[in-house]
Amino acid sequence: MAKEFNFRGKTFEDLKKMSIDELARLLPSRERRTLKRGLTDSQKKLLEKMRKSPAKFHKTHVRNMIILPEMVGMKFGIYKGGAAGGDKSNKWVTLDITPHMIGFRLGDFAIPMKRVQHSAPGIGASKSTKHSSMKTT
């Protein structure tokens, strides 16, 4: 039996009927203050584009957009930056919005940092190579 989604005691249908101001009262303080100040121009533009074509896949650089109930069920391509060396394969993260993501930001699901992988130690990294000459003969 599937568990019904609840967000602070409200069902998903209740959340969809709420205005942004009513929803803001349920969110944590940082998101509440952001919505109270109003959306930025880029966030408003994304929201308009999303409302025009809800079934479409939307690519966006607006990582600070708070996920609203009307975004649930949509697909977004979130920009996370490319890897060094011109690798274009890692620039976008595809994200399917679910009800559990409401109140988070789009950027929370597209981490831009990669895990650091070190190679072999260089000259001077250990005591044995401290005094070795850098010239190879």
C-alpha atoms as a PDB file:
ATOM      1  CA  MET A   1       0.000   0.000   0.000  1.00  0.00           C
ATOM      2  CA  ALA A   2       1.465   3.332  -1.072  1.00  0.00           C
ATOM      3  CA  LYS A   3       1.860   6.017   1.553  1.00  0.00           C
ATOM      4  CA  GLU A   4      -0.022   9.228   0.782  1.00  0.00           C
ATOM      5  CA  PHE A   5       2.138  12.341   0.412  1.00  0.00           C
ATOM      6  CA  ASN A   6       1.830  14.945   3.173  1.00  0.00           C
ATOM      7  CA  PHE A   7       3.684  18.256   3.472  1.00  0.00           C
ATOM      8  CA  ARG A   8       3.281  19.784   6.926  1.00  0.00           C
ATOM      9  CA  GLY A   9      -0.155  18.193   7.261  1.00  0.00           C
ATOM     10  CA  LYS A  10      -1.393  19.236   3.803  1.00  0.00           C
ATOM     11  CA  THR A  11      -2.100  16.837   0.943  1.00  0.00           C
ATOM     12  CA  PHE A  12      -0.727  17.428  -2.530  1.00  0.00           C
ATOM     13  CA  GLU A  13      -4.166  18.548  -3.791  1.00  0.00           C
ATOM     14  CA  ASP A  14      -4.335  21.153  -0.999  1.00  0.00           C
ATOM     15  CA  LEU A  15      -0.875  22.431  -1.932  1.00  0.00           C
ATOM     16  CA  LYS A  16      -1.830  22.820  -5.609  1.00  0.00           C
ATOM     17  CA  LYS A  17      -4.831  24.988  -4.643  1.00  0.00           C
ATOM     18  CA  MET A  18      -2.720  27.326  -2.459  1.00  0.00           C
ATOM     19  CA  SER A  19      -1.323  30.646  -3.632  1.00  0.00           C
ATOM     20  CA  ILE A  20       2.413  31.273  -3.391  1.00  0.00           C
ATOM     21  CA  ASP A  21       1.891  33.386  -0.252  1.00  0.00           C
ATOM     22  CA  GLU A  22      -0.048  30.612   1.499  1.00  0.00           C
ATOM     23  CA  LEU A  23       2.558  28.043   0.497  1.00  0.00           C
ATOM     24  CA  ALA A  24       5.344  30.299   1.775  1.00  0.00           C
ATOM     25  CA  ARG A  25       3.895  30.064   5.308  1.00  0.00           C
ATOM     26  CA  LEU A  26       4.549  26.306   5.274  1.00  0.00           C
ATOM     27  CA  LEU A  27       8.156  26.534   4.033  1.00  0.00           C
ATOM     28  CA  PRO A  28      11.344  26.992   6.074  1.00  0.00           C
ATOM     29  CA  SER A  29      12.448  30.552   6.819  1.00  0.00           C
ATOM     30  CA  ARG A  30      14.949  30.985   3.986  1.00  0.00           C
ATOM     31  CA  GLU A  31      12.454  29.945   1.309  1.00  0.00           C
ATOM     32  CA  ARG A  32       9.643  31.859   3.022  1.00  0.00           C
ATOM     33  CA  ARG A  33      11.674  35.086   2.966  1.00  0.00           C
ATOM     34  CA  THR A  34      12.657  34.555  -0.656  1.00  0.00           C
ATOM     35  CA  LEU A  35       9.033  34.135  -1.752  1.00  0.00           C
ATOM     36  CA  LYS A  36       7.934  37.078   0.406  1.00  0.00           C
ATOM     37  CA  ARG A  37      10.434  39.379  -1.363  1.00  0.00           C
ATOM     38  CA  GLY A  38       9.089  38.190  -4.700  1.00  0.00           C
ATOM     39  CA  LEU A  39      10.554  36.162  -7.531  1.00  0.00           C
ATOM     40  CA  THR A  40      13.409  37.549  -9.593  1.00  0.00           C
ATOM     41  CA  ASP A  41      12.941  38.382 -13.266  1.00  0.00           C
ATOM     42  CA  SER A  42      14.636  35.167 -14.394  1.00  0.00           C
ATOM     43  CA  GLN A  43      12.454  33.097 -12.037  1.00  0.00           C
ATOM     44  CA  LYS A  44       9.294  34.809 -13.319  1.00  0.00           C
ATOM     45  CA  LYS A  45      10.398  34.139 -16.897  1.00  0.00           C
ATOM     46  CA  LEU A  46      10.924  30.431 -16.133  1.00  0.00           C
ATOM     47  CA  LEU A  47       7.517  30.230 -14.430  1.00  0.00           C
ATOM     48  CA  GLU A  48       5.789  31.832 -17.457  1.00  0.00           C
ATOM     49  CA  LYS A  49       7.591  29.505 -19.870  1.00  0.00           C
ATOM     50  CA  MET A  50       6.659  26.535 -17.719  1.00  0.00           C
ATOM     51  CA  ARG A  51       2.982  27.550 -17.552  1.00  0.00           C
ATOM     52  CA  LYS A  52       2.790  28.002 -21.354  1.00  0.00           C
ATOM     53  CA  SER A  53       4.001  24.487 -22.114  1.00  0.00           C
ATOM     54  CA  PRO A  54       3.729  22.238 -19.035  1.00  0.00           C
ATOM     55  CA  ALA A  55       4.441  18.961 -20.848  1.00  0.00           C
ATOM     56  CA  LYS A  56       7.676  20.204 -22.413  1.00  0.00           C
ATOM     57  CA  PHE A  57      11.223  19.615 -21.153  1.00  0.00           C
ATOM     58  CA  HIS A  58      12.661  22.901 -19.855  1.00  0.00           C
ATOM     59  CA  LYS A  59      16.388  23.646 -19.758  1.00  0.00           C
ATOM     60  CA  THR A  60      17.328  26.345 -17.275  1.00  0.00           C
ATOM     61  CA  HIS A  61      20.218  28.126 -15.600  1.00  0.00           C
ATOM     62  CA  VAL A  62      17.930  29.322 -12.773  1.00  0.00           C
ATOM     63  CA  ARG A  63      19.267  27.093 -10.025  1.00  0.00           C
ATOM     64  CA  ASN A  64      17.822  29.197  -7.201  1.00  0.00           C
ATOM     65  CA  MET A  65      14.176  28.662  -8.226  1.00  0.00           C
ATOM     66  CA  ILE A  66      12.136  27.173  -5.380  1.00  0.00           C
ATOM     67  CA  ILE A  67      10.185  24.090  -6.466  1.00  0.00           C
ATOM     68  CA  LEU A  68       6.468  24.900  -6.337  1.00  0.00           C
ATOM     69  CA  PRO A  69       3.550  22.407  -6.384  1.00  0.00           C
ATOM     70  CA  GLU A  70       2.651  23.384  -9.970  1.00  0.00           C
ATOM     71  CA  MET A  71       6.082  22.122 -11.106  1.00  0.00           C
ATOM     72  CA  VAL A  72       5.423  18.547  -9.953  1.00  0.00           C
ATOM     73  CA  GLY A  73       5.439  16.063 -12.834  1.00  0.00           C
ATOM     74  CA  MET A  74       7.566  18.262 -15.122  1.00  0.00           C
ATOM     75  CA  LYS A  75      11.048  17.603 -16.422  1.00  0.00           C
ATOM     76  CA  PHE A  76      13.844  20.130 -16.117  1.00  0.00           C
ATOM     77  CA  GLY A  77      17.381  20.253 -17.410  1.00  0.00           C
ATOM     78  CA  ILE A  78      19.366  22.067 -14.729  1.00  0.00           C
ATOM     79  CA  TYR A  79      22.708  23.608 -15.595  1.00  0.00           C
ATOM     80  CA  LYS A  80      25.548  22.478 -13.382  1.00  0.00           C
ATOM     81  CA  GLY A  81      28.532  23.696 -15.391  1.00  0.00           C
ATOM     82  CA  GLY A  82      30.864  21.701 -17.536  1.00  0.00           C
ATOM     83  CA  ALA A  83      33.967  19.792 -16.588  1.00  0.00           C
ATOM     84  CA  ALA A  84      37.381  21.275 -17.361  1.00  0.00           C
ATOM     85  CA  GLY A  85      38.751  20.554 -20.789  1.00  0.00           C
ATOM     86  CA  GLY A  86      35.592  21.375 -22.719  1.00  0.00           C
ATOM     87  CA  ASP A  87      33.657  18.237 -21.777  1.00  0.00           C
ATOM     88  CA  LYS A  88      30.085  19.089 -22.742  1.00  0.00           C
ATOM     89  CA  SER A  89      28.506  15.843 -21.580  1.00  0.00           C
ATOM     90  CA  ASN A  90      28.221  16.849 -17.917  1.00  0.00           C
ATOM     91  CA  LYS A  91      26.699  20.321 -18.219  1.00  0.00           C
ATOM     92  CA  TRP A  92      23.038  19.442 -17.626  1.00  0.00           C
ATOM     93  CA  VAL A  93      21.255  17.264 -15.079  1.00  0.00           C
ATOM     94  CA  THR A  94      17.821  15.923 -16.018  1.00  0.00           C
ATOM     95  CA  LEU A  95      15.389  16.186 -13.140  1.00  0.00           C
ATOM     96  CA  ASP A  96      11.861  14.797 -12.801  1.00  0.00           C
ATOM     97  CA  ILE A  97      10.042  16.837 -10.165  1.00  0.00           C
ATOM     98  CA  THR A  98       8.221  14.779  -7.507  1.00  0.00           C
ATOM     99  CA  PRO A  99       6.026  16.007  -4.616  1.00  0.00           C
ATOM    100  CA  HIS A 100       8.815  15.319  -2.115  1.00  0.00           C
ATOM    101  CA  MET A 101      10.945  18.039  -3.769  1.00  0.00           C
ATOM    102  CA  ILE A 102       8.523  20.880  -2.952  1.00  0.00           C
ATOM    103  CA  GLY A 103      10.289  23.659  -1.051  1.00  0.00           C
ATOM    104  CA  PHE A 104      13.763  22.712  -2.240  1.00  0.00           C
ATOM    105  CA  ARG A 105      15.628  24.630  -4.929  1.00  0.00           C
ATOM    106  CA  LEU A 106      16.405  23.281  -8.400  1.00  0.00           C
ATOM    107  CA  GLY A 107      20.139  23.633  -7.753  1.00  0.00           C
ATOM    108  CA  ASP A 108      19.940  21.308  -4.754  1.00  0.00           C
ATOM    109  CA  PHE A 109      19.561  18.384  -7.162  1.00  0.00           C
ATOM    110  CA  ALA A 110      22.352  19.331  -9.594  1.00  0.00           C
ATOM    111  CA  ILE A 111      25.619  19.355  -7.668  1.00  0.00           C
ATOM    112  CA  PRO A 112      28.271  21.257  -9.680  1.00  0.00           C
ATOM    113  CA  MET A 113      31.313  19.816  -7.909  1.00  0.00           C
ATOM    114  CA  LYS A 114      32.991  16.593  -8.909  1.00  0.00           C
ATOM    115  CA  ARG A 115      34.823  14.246  -6.595  1.00  0.00           C
ATOM    116  CA  VAL A 116      38.531  15.012  -6.494  1.00  0.00           C
ATOM    117  CA  GLN A 117      40.749  12.269  -7.878  1.00  0.00           C
ATOM    118  CA  HIS A 118      44.444  12.706  -7.246  1.00  0.00           C
ATOM    119  CA  SER A 119      47.164  11.208  -9.398  1.00  0.00           C
ATOM    120  CA  ALA A 120      50.661  10.204  -8.269  1.00  0.00           C
ATOM    121  CA  PRO A 121      52.521  12.581  -5.923  1.00  0.00           C
ATOM    122  CA  GLY A 122      54.841  15.116  -7.563  1.00  0.00           C
ATOM    123  CA  ILE A 123      58.442  16.056  -6.917  1.00  0.00           C
ATOM    124  CA  GLY A 124      58.929  17.380  -3.386  1.00  0.00           C
ATOM    125  CA  ALA A 125      55.842  15.652  -2.069  1.00  0.00           C
ATOM    126  CA  SER A 126      57.835  13.274   0.115  1.00  0.00           C
ATOM    127  CA  LYS A 127      61.155  13.441   1.980  1.00  0.00           C
ATOM    128  CA  SER A 128      62.812  11.093  -0.478  1.00  0.00           C
ATOM    129  CA  THR A 129      62.180  13.412  -3.442  1.00  0.00           C
ATOM    130  CA  LYS A 130      62.909  16.649  -1.581  1.00  0.00           C
ATOM    131  CA  HIS A 131      66.561  16.840  -2.616  1.00  0.00           C
ATOM    132  CA  SER A 132      66.402  15.068  -5.968  1.00  0.00           C
ATOM    133  CA  SER A 133      67.253  17.129  -8.992  1.00  0.00           C
ATOM    134  CA  MET A 134      64.433  18.114 -11.294  1.00  0.00           C
ATOM    135  CA  LYS A 135      66.549  17.403 -14.352  1.00  0.00           C
ATOM    136  CA  THR A 136      66.193  13.995 -15.889  1.00  0.00           C
ATOM    137  CA  THR A 137      69.238  12.713 -17.664  1.00  0.00           C
END
